[in-house]
Amino acid sequence: MKEKQKEKRRGSVLPAAGEPYIEVSGNREILIEGSKGVLEYTAEAVRVNTDPMLMTVGGRGLNLKCISDSALIINGFITGISFEV
C-alpha cells in the first residue's frame, strides 16, 4: 500500500512539457534537468539557464558533480536558490 502512495506522490511532481525539473537533496546536492547551459561557475555560485528562467545556486565549495547536454548535478554546501524570470 505504501509503495502505491509513494508512486502516486512522485507522479504528481513531474513538470509540464518544456519546464525544468529540480530535485534538492538536503543542503548538499541539487539535480537540474532541462538545463540549456551553465552561465557562471564558481565555488560560491552556479548560474544555469533553464529557459524560461535563470537559476542561481549559492553556497560554499560548490562543484559540478555531473553535467550532460540537458542535466547537471551540483554538490557542496548549498545556502540558497534563486530564480530570475
PDB file of N, CA and C in Angstrom:
ATOM      1  N   MET A   1       0.819  -1.189   0.000  1.00  0.00           N
ATOM      2  CA  MET A   1       0.000   0.000   0.000  1.00  0.00           C
ATOM      3  C   MET A   1       0.868   1.260   0.000  1.00  0.00           C
ATOM      4  N   LYS A   2       1.905   1.264   0.828  1.00  0.00           N
ATOM      5  CA  LYS A   2       2.766   2.441   0.916  1.00  0.00           C
ATOM      6  C   LYS A   2       3.500   2.688  -0.400  1.00  0.00           C
ATOM      7  N   GLU A   3       3.884   1.622  -1.120  1.00  0.00           N
ATOM      8  CA  GLU A   3       4.562   1.776  -2.405  1.00  0.00           C
ATOM      9  C   GLU A   3       3.678   2.523  -3.391  1.00  0.00           C
ATOM     10  N   LYS A   4       2.381   2.198  -3.427  1.00  0.00           N
ATOM     11  CA  LYS A   4       1.464   2.875  -4.334  1.00  0.00           C
ATOM     12  C   LYS A   4       1.343   4.355  -3.973  1.00  0.00           C
ATOM     13  N   GLN A   5       1.332   4.672  -2.678  1.00  0.00           N
ATOM     14  CA  GLN A   5       1.258   6.070  -2.252  1.00  0.00           C
ATOM     15  C   GLN A   5       2.500   6.828  -2.691  1.00  0.00           C
ATOM     16  N   LYS A   6       3.672   6.219  -2.555  1.00  0.00           N
ATOM     17  CA  LYS A   6       4.912   6.869  -2.972  1.00  0.00           C
ATOM     18  C   LYS A   6       4.914   7.110  -4.469  1.00  0.00           C
ATOM     19  N   GLU A   7       4.497   6.094  -5.257  1.00  0.00           N
ATOM     20  CA  GLU A   7       4.452   6.252  -6.709  1.00  0.00           C
ATOM     21  C   GLU A   7       3.502   7.357  -7.111  1.00  0.00           C
ATOM     22  N   LYS A   8       2.353   7.420  -6.461  1.00  0.00           N
ATOM     23  CA  LYS A   8       1.372   8.451  -6.784  1.00  0.00           C
ATOM     24  C   LYS A   8       1.934   9.833  -6.462  1.00  0.00           C
ATOM     25  N   ARG A   9       2.599   9.965  -5.332  1.00  0.00           N
ATOM     26  CA  ARG A   9       3.173  11.250  -4.937  1.00  0.00           C
ATOM     27  C   ARG A   9       4.262  11.666  -5.914  1.00  0.00           C
ATOM     28  N   ARG A  10       5.137  10.760  -6.300  1.00  0.00           N
ATOM     29  CA  ARG A  10       6.191  11.082  -7.250  1.00  0.00           C
ATOM     30  C   ARG A  10       5.618  11.489  -8.592  1.00  0.00           C
ATOM     31  N   GLY A  11       4.591  10.804  -9.040  1.00  0.00           N
ATOM     32  CA  GLY A  11       3.992  11.098 -10.328  1.00  0.00           C
ATOM     33  C   GLY A  11       3.362  12.473 -10.384  1.00  0.00           C
ATOM     34  N   SER A  12       2.977  13.028  -9.255  1.00  0.00           N
ATOM     35  CA  SER A  12       2.297  14.321  -9.243  1.00  0.00           C
ATOM     36  C   SER A  12       3.260  15.495  -9.294  1.00  0.00           C
ATOM     37  N   VAL A  13       4.556  15.258  -9.161  1.00  0.00           N
ATOM     38  CA  VAL A  13       5.511  16.358  -9.172  1.00  0.00           C
ATOM     39  C   VAL A  13       6.236  16.504 -10.502  1.00  0.00           C
ATOM     40  N   LEU A  14       5.839  15.729 -11.496  1.00  0.00           N
ATOM     41  CA  LEU A  14       6.503  15.835 -12.796  1.00  0.00           C
ATOM     42  C   LEU A  14       6.206  17.188 -13.428  1.00  0.00           C
ATOM     43  N   PRO A  15       7.203  17.818 -14.030  1.00  0.00           N
ATOM     44  CA  PRO A  15       6.994  19.135 -14.623  1.00  0.00           C
ATOM     45  C   PRO A  15       6.196  19.062 -15.915  1.00  0.00           C
ATOM     46  N   ALA A  16       5.614  20.180 -16.281  1.00  0.00           N
ATOM     47  CA  ALA A  16       4.931  20.279 -17.569  1.00  0.00           C
ATOM     48  C   ALA A  16       5.980  20.229 -18.675  1.00  0.00           C
ATOM     49  N   ALA A  17       5.565  19.907 -19.876  1.00  0.00           N
ATOM     50  CA  ALA A  17       6.489  19.810 -21.004  1.00  0.00           C
ATOM     51  C   ALA A  17       7.259  21.118 -21.178  1.00  0.00           C
ATOM     52  N   GLY A  18       8.573  21.013 -21.307  1.00  0.00           N
ATOM     53  CA  GLY A  18       9.405  22.186 -21.517  1.00  0.00           C
ATOM     54  C   GLY A  18       9.841  22.890 -20.239  1.00  0.00           C
ATOM     55  N   GLU A  19       9.312  22.489 -19.096  1.00  0.00           N
ATOM     56  CA  GLU A  19       9.687  23.103 -17.827  1.00  0.00           C
ATOM     57  C   GLU A  19      10.839  22.319 -17.194  1.00  0.00           C
ATOM     58  N   PRO A  20      11.731  22.998 -16.470  1.00  0.00           N
ATOM     59  CA  PRO A  20      12.836  22.292 -15.820  1.00  0.00           C
ATOM     60  C   PRO A  20      12.341  21.455 -14.640  1.00  0.00           C
ATOM     61  N   TYR A  21      13.068  20.391 -14.343  1.00  0.00           N
ATOM     62  CA  TYR A  21      12.797  19.549 -13.184  1.00  0.00           C
ATOM     63  C   TYR A  21      13.950  19.761 -12.223  1.00  0.00           C
ATOM     64  N   ILE A  22      13.638  20.103 -10.971  1.00  0.00           N
ATOM     65  CA  ILE A  22      14.659  20.399  -9.977  1.00  0.00           C
ATOM     66  C   ILE A  22      14.423  19.507  -8.774  1.00  0.00           C
ATOM     67  N   GLU A  23      15.469  18.810  -8.344  1.00  0.00           N
ATOM     68  CA  GLU A  23      15.375  17.928  -7.191  1.00  0.00           C
ATOM     69  C   GLU A  23      16.488  18.301  -6.216  1.00  0.00           C
ATOM     70  N   VAL A  24      16.113  18.673  -4.996  1.00  0.00           N
ATOM     71  CA  VAL A  24      17.077  19.098  -3.986  1.00  0.00           C
ATOM     72  C   VAL A  24      17.203  18.003  -2.928  1.00  0.00           C
ATOM     73  N   SER A  25      18.432  17.613  -2.627  1.00  0.00           N
ATOM     74  CA  SER A  25      18.703  16.616  -1.590  1.00  0.00           C
ATOM     75  C   SER A  25      19.359  17.324  -0.410  1.00  0.00           C
ATOM     76  N   GLY A  26      18.516  17.742   0.540  1.00  0.00           N
ATOM     77  CA  GLY A  26      19.026  18.470   1.697  1.00  0.00           C
ATOM     78  C   GLY A  26      19.700  19.753   1.267  1.00  0.00           C
ATOM     79  N   ASN A  27      20.803  20.086   1.902  1.00  0.00           N
ATOM     80  CA  ASN A  27      21.557  21.277   1.500  1.00  0.00           C
ATOM     81  C   ASN A  27      22.904  20.898   0.892  1.00  0.00           C
ATOM     82  N   ARG A  28      22.988  19.657   0.378  1.00  0.00           N
ATOM     83  CA  ARG A  28      24.265  19.169  -0.144  1.00  0.00           C
ATOM     84  C   ARG A  28      24.281  18.885  -1.639  1.00  0.00           C
ATOM     85  N   GLU A  29      23.109  18.712  -2.264  1.00  0.00           N
ATOM     86  CA  GLU A  29      23.115  18.347  -3.677  1.00  0.00           C
ATOM     87  C   GLU A  29      21.820  18.785  -4.348  1.00  0.00           C
ATOM     88  N   ILE A  30      21.929  19.182  -5.625  1.00  0.00           N
ATOM     89  CA  ILE A  30      20.763  19.575  -6.405  1.00  0.00           C
ATOM     90  C   ILE A  30      20.914  19.047  -7.829  1.00  0.00           C
ATOM     91  N   LEU A  31      19.833  18.462  -8.335  1.00  0.00           N
ATOM     92  CA  LEU A  31      19.767  17.968  -9.710  1.00  0.00           C
ATOM     93  C   LEU A  31      18.892  18.925 -10.503  1.00  0.00           C
ATOM     94  N   ILE A  32      19.368  19.348 -11.653  1.00  0.00           N
ATOM     95  CA  ILE A  32      18.597  20.232 -12.535  1.00  0.00           C
ATOM     96  C   ILE A  32      18.521  19.568 -13.903  1.00  0.00           C
ATOM     97  N   GLU A  33      17.309  19.185 -14.303  1.00  0.00           N
ATOM     98  CA  GLU A  33      17.087  18.633 -15.636  1.00  0.00           C
ATOM     99  C   GLU A  33      16.393  19.704 -16.470  1.00  0.00           C
ATOM    100  N   GLY A  34      16.756  19.805 -17.720  1.00  0.00           N
ATOM    101  CA  GLY A  34      16.205  20.834 -18.592  1.00  0.00           C
ATOM    102  C   GLY A  34      17.141  22.022 -18.710  1.00  0.00           C
ATOM    103  N   SER A  35      18.396  21.832 -18.344  1.00  0.00           N
ATOM    104  CA  SER A  35      19.394  22.896 -18.428  1.00  0.00           C
ATOM    105  C   SER A  35      19.718  23.211 -19.884  1.00  0.00           C
ATOM    106  N   LYS A  36      19.869  24.498 -20.170  1.00  0.00           N
ATOM    107  CA  LYS A  36      20.277  24.949 -21.511  1.00  0.00           C
ATOM    108  C   LYS A  36      21.721  25.433 -21.505  1.00  0.00           C
ATOM    109  N   GLY A  37      22.373  25.365 -20.346  1.00  0.00           N
ATOM    110  CA  GLY A  37      23.769  25.769 -20.268  1.00  0.00           C
ATOM    111  C   GLY A  37      24.117  26.426 -18.943  1.00  0.00           C
ATOM    112  N   VAL A  38      25.387  26.332 -18.577  1.00  0.00           N
ATOM    113  CA  VAL A  38      25.905  26.964 -17.364  1.00  0.00           C
ATOM    114  C   VAL A  38      26.461  28.320 -17.755  1.00  0.00           C
ATOM    115  N   LEU A  39      25.964  29.378 -17.113  1.00  0.00           N
ATOM    116  CA  LEU A  39      26.388  30.742 -17.421  1.00  0.00           C
ATOM    117  C   LEU A  39      27.539  31.209 -16.540  1.00  0.00           C
ATOM    118  N   GLU A  40      27.589  30.726 -15.316  1.00  0.00           N
ATOM    119  CA  GLU A  40      28.642  31.113 -14.363  1.00  0.00           C
ATOM    120  C   GLU A  40      28.900  29.928 -13.452  1.00  0.00           C
ATOM    121  N   TYR A  41      30.169  29.701 -13.135  1.00  0.00           N
ATOM    122  CA  TYR A  41      30.518  28.585 -12.260  1.00  0.00           C
ATOM    123  C   TYR A  41      31.692  28.986 -11.384  1.00  0.00           C
ATOM    124  N   THR A  42      31.427  29.204 -10.098  1.00  0.00           N
ATOM    125  CA  THR A  42      32.467  29.456  -9.105  1.00  0.00           C
ATOM    126  C   THR A  42      32.171  28.576  -7.894  1.00  0.00           C
ATOM    127  N   ALA A  43      33.043  28.600  -6.922  1.00  0.00           N
ATOM    128  CA  ALA A  43      32.828  27.819  -5.701  1.00  0.00           C
ATOM    129  C   ALA A  43      31.688  28.385  -4.858  1.00  0.00           C
ATOM    130  N   GLU A  44      31.272  29.641  -5.146  1.00  0.00           N
ATOM    131  CA  GLU A  44      30.208  30.285  -4.376  1.00  0.00           C
ATOM    132  C   GLU A  44      28.886  30.388  -5.118  1.00  0.00           C
ATOM    133  N   ALA A  45      28.872  30.239  -6.443  1.00  0.00           N
ATOM    134  CA  ALA A  45      27.631  30.385  -7.204  1.00  0.00           C
ATOM    135  C   ALA A  45      27.706  29.640  -8.540  1.00  0.00           C
ATOM    136  N   VAL A  46      26.573  29.038  -8.895  1.00  0.00           N
ATOM    137  CA  VAL A  46      26.428  28.412 -10.217  1.00  0.00           C
ATOM    138  C   VAL A  46      25.149  28.968 -10.815  1.00  0.00           C
ATOM    139  N   ARG A  47      25.277  29.649 -11.973  1.00  0.00           N
ATOM    140  CA  ARG A  47      24.104  30.191 -12.681  1.00  0.00           C
ATOM    141  C   ARG A  47      23.813  29.306 -13.867  1.00  0.00           C
ATOM    142  N   VAL A  48      22.542  28.900 -13.981  1.00  0.00           N
ATOM    143  CA  VAL A  48      22.128  27.956 -15.015  1.00  0.00           C
ATOM    144  C   VAL A  48      20.959  28.541 -15.798  1.00  0.00           C
ATOM    145  N   ASN A  49      21.032  28.447 -17.114  1.00  0.00           N
ATOM    146  CA  ASN A  49      19.918  28.851 -17.970  1.00  0.00           C
ATOM    147  C   ASN A  49      19.007  27.642 -18.127  1.00  0.00           C
ATOM    148  N   THR A  50      17.759  27.758 -17.657  1.00  0.00           N
ATOM    149  CA  THR A  50      16.803  26.671 -17.817  1.00  0.00           C
ATOM    150  C   THR A  50      15.708  27.050 -18.796  1.00  0.00           C
ATOM    151  N   ASP A  51      15.787  28.250 -19.348  1.00  0.00           N
ATOM    152  CA  ASP A  51      14.831  28.769 -20.327  1.00  0.00           C
ATOM    153  C   ASP A  51      13.452  28.161 -20.115  1.00  0.00           C
ATOM    154  N   PRO A  52      12.636  28.754 -19.339  1.00  0.00           N
ATOM    155  CA  PRO A  52      12.249  30.150 -19.337  1.00  0.00           C
ATOM    156  C   PRO A  52      12.835  31.000 -18.208  1.00  0.00           C
ATOM    157  N   MET A  53      13.755  30.479 -17.381  1.00  0.00           N
ATOM    158  CA  MET A  53      14.281  31.275 -16.285  1.00  0.00           C
ATOM    159  C   MET A  53      15.761  30.998 -16.092  1.00  0.00           C
ATOM    160  N   LEU A  54      16.398  31.911 -15.359  1.00  0.00           N
ATOM    161  CA  LEU A  54      17.773  31.713 -14.930  1.00  0.00           C
ATOM    162  C   LEU A  54      17.730  31.300 -13.468  1.00  0.00           C
ATOM    163  N   MET A  55      18.532  30.333 -13.129  1.00  0.00           N
ATOM    164  CA  MET A  55      18.553  29.804 -11.774  1.00  0.00           C
ATOM    165  C   MET A  55      19.951  29.985 -11.213  1.00  0.00           C
ATOM    166  N   THR A  56      20.039  30.487  -9.986  1.00  0.00           N
ATOM    167  CA  THR A  56      21.331  30.647  -9.325  1.00  0.00           C
ATOM    168  C   THR A  56      21.340  29.817  -8.055  1.00  0.00           C
ATOM    169  N   VAL A  57      22.343  28.957  -7.930  1.00  0.00           N
ATOM    170  CA  VAL A  57      22.543  28.161  -6.721  1.00  0.00           C
ATOM    171  C   VAL A  57      23.727  28.783  -6.005  1.00  0.00           C
ATOM    172  N   GLY A  58      23.509  29.240  -4.776  1.00  0.00           N
ATOM    173  CA  GLY A  58      24.575  29.854  -3.993  1.00  0.00           C
ATOM    174  C   GLY A  58      25.026  28.931  -2.882  1.00  0.00           C
ATOM    175  N   GLY A  59      26.279  29.084  -2.463  1.00  0.00           N
ATOM    176  CA  GLY A  59      26.772  28.248  -1.377  1.00  0.00           C
ATOM    177  C   GLY A  59      28.269  28.347  -1.218  1.00  0.00           C
ATOM    178  N   ARG A  60      28.844  27.313  -0.631  1.00  0.00           N
ATOM    179  CA  ARG A  60      30.289  27.237  -0.412  1.00  0.00           C
ATOM    180  C   ARG A  60      30.792  25.902  -0.938  1.00  0.00           C
ATOM    181  N   GLY A  61      31.914  25.927  -1.583  1.00  0.00           N
ATOM    182  CA  GLY A  61      32.524  24.707  -2.096  1.00  0.00           C
ATOM    183  C   GLY A  61      31.667  23.997  -3.133  1.00  0.00           C
ATOM    184  N   LEU A  62      31.003  24.771  -3.979  1.00  0.00           N
ATOM    185  CA  LEU A  62      30.129  24.166  -4.985  1.00  0.00           C
ATOM    186  C   LEU A  62      30.936  23.534  -6.115  1.00  0.00           C
ATOM    187  N   ASN A  63      30.491  22.371  -6.556  1.00  0.00           N
ATOM    188  CA  ASN A  63      31.137  21.635  -7.643  1.00  0.00           C
ATOM    189  C   ASN A  63      30.082  21.152  -8.618  1.00  0.00           C
ATOM    190  N   LEU A  64      30.438  21.083  -9.888  1.00  0.00           N
ATOM    191  CA  LEU A  64      29.587  20.425 -10.874  1.00  0.00           C
ATOM    192  C   LEU A  64      29.976  18.952 -10.847  1.00  0.00           C
ATOM    193  N   LYS A  65      29.190  18.163 -10.152  1.00  0.00           N
ATOM    194  CA  LYS A  65      29.487  16.741  -9.985  1.00  0.00           C
ATOM    195  C   LYS A  65      29.299  15.984 -11.293  1.00  0.00           C
ATOM    196  N   CYS A  66      28.258  16.371 -12.046  1.00  0.00           N
ATOM    197  CA  CYS A  66      27.947  15.697 -13.296  1.00  0.00           C
ATOM    198  C   CYS A  66      27.264  16.698 -14.218  1.00  0.00           C
ATOM    199  N   ILE A  67      27.596  16.668 -15.500  1.00  0.00           N
ATOM    200  CA  ILE A  67      26.971  17.580 -16.443  1.00  0.00           C
ATOM    201  C   ILE A  67      26.782  16.850 -17.776  1.00  0.00           C
ATOM    202  N   SER A  68      25.595  17.061 -18.382  1.00  0.00           N
ATOM    203  CA  SER A  68      25.312  16.493 -19.695  1.00  0.00           C
ATOM    204  C   SER A  68      24.654  17.575 -20.548  1.00  0.00           C
ATOM    205  N   ASP A  69      24.145  17.195 -21.712  1.00  0.00           N
ATOM    206  CA  ASP A  69      23.512  18.170 -22.606  1.00  0.00           C
ATOM    207  C   ASP A  69      22.337  18.886 -21.964  1.00  0.00           C
ATOM    208  N   SER A  70      21.573  18.183 -21.107  1.00  0.00           N
ATOM    209  CA  SER A  70      20.352  18.794 -20.580  1.00  0.00           C
ATOM    210  C   SER A  70      20.189  18.666 -19.071  1.00  0.00           C
ATOM    211  N   ALA A  71      21.183  18.154 -18.383  1.00  0.00           N
ATOM    212  CA  ALA A  71      21.058  17.989 -16.933  1.00  0.00           C
ATOM    213  C   ALA A  71      22.397  18.214 -16.253  1.00  0.00           C
ATOM    214  N   LEU A  72      22.332  18.553 -14.966  1.00  0.00           N
ATOM    215  CA  LEU A  72      23.552  18.687 -14.192  1.00  0.00           C
ATOM    216  C   LEU A  72      23.257  18.447 -12.719  1.00  0.00           C
ATOM    217  N   ILE A  73      24.301  18.070 -12.006  1.00  0.00           N
ATOM    218  CA  ILE A  73      24.216  17.879 -10.563  1.00  0.00           C
ATOM    219  C   ILE A  73      25.251  18.776  -9.925  1.00  0.00           C
ATOM    220  N   ILE A  74      24.810  19.577  -8.962  1.00  0.00           N
ATOM    221  CA  ILE A  74      25.692  20.472  -8.218  1.00  0.00           C
ATOM    222  C   ILE A  74      25.746  19.949  -6.791  1.00  0.00           C
ATOM    223  N   ASN A  75      26.963  19.824  -6.239  1.00  0.00           N
ATOM    224  CA  ASN A  75      27.063  19.459  -4.834  1.00  0.00           C
ATOM    225  C   ASN A  75      27.970  20.438  -4.116  1.00  0.00           C
ATOM    226  N   GLY A  76      27.939  20.397  -2.812  1.00  0.00           N
ATOM    227  CA  GLY A  76      28.647  21.327  -1.949  1.00  0.00           C
ATOM    228  C   GLY A  76      27.702  21.730  -0.831  1.00  0.00           C
ATOM    229  N   PHE A  77      27.978  22.837  -0.178  1.00  0.00           N
ATOM    230  CA  PHE A  77      27.105  23.333   0.884  1.00  0.00           C
ATOM    231  C   PHE A  77      26.209  24.410   0.276  1.00  0.00           C
ATOM    232  N   ILE A  78      24.962  24.067   0.012  1.00  0.00           N
ATOM    233  CA  ILE A  78      24.021  24.961  -0.659  1.00  0.00           C
ATOM    234  C   ILE A  78      23.325  25.848   0.357  1.00  0.00           C
ATOM    235  N   THR A  79      23.450  27.164   0.161  1.00  0.00           N
ATOM    236  CA  THR A  79      22.827  28.121   1.083  1.00  0.00           C
ATOM    237  C   THR A  79      21.606  28.817   0.513  1.00  0.00           C
ATOM    238  N   GLY A  80      21.427  28.751  -0.809  1.00  0.00           N
ATOM    239  CA  GLY A  80      20.271  29.407  -1.394  1.00  0.00           C
ATOM    240  C   GLY A  80      20.083  29.079  -2.860  1.00  0.00           C
ATOM    241  N   ILE A  81      18.831  29.203  -3.291  1.00  0.00           N
ATOM    242  CA  ILE A  81      18.476  29.000  -4.692  1.00  0.00           C
ATOM    243  C   ILE A  81      17.583  30.163  -5.089  1.00  0.00           C
ATOM    244  N   SER A  82      17.925  30.825  -6.193  1.00  0.00           N
ATOM    245  CA  SER A  82      17.083  31.948  -6.647  1.00  0.00           C
ATOM    246  C   SER A  82      16.771  31.776  -8.123  1.00  0.00           C
ATOM    247  N   PHE A  83      15.659  32.410  -8.524  1.00  0.00           N
ATOM    248  CA  PHE A  83      15.187  32.310  -9.898  1.00  0.00           C
ATOM    249  C   PHE A  83      14.952  33.705 -10.462  1.00  0.00           C
ATOM    250  N   GLU A  84      15.337  33.898 -11.729  1.00  0.00           N
ATOM    251  CA  GLU A  84      15.081  35.141 -12.450  1.00  0.00           C
ATOM    252  C   GLU A  84      14.252  34.789 -13.673  1.00  0.00           C
ATOM    253  N   VAL A  85      13.122  35.471 -13.832  1.00  0.00           N
ATOM    254  CA  VAL A  85      12.263  35.203 -14.985  1.00  0.00           C
ATOM    255  C   VAL A  85      12.482  36.258 -16.034  1.00  0.00           C
TER     256      VAL A  85
END
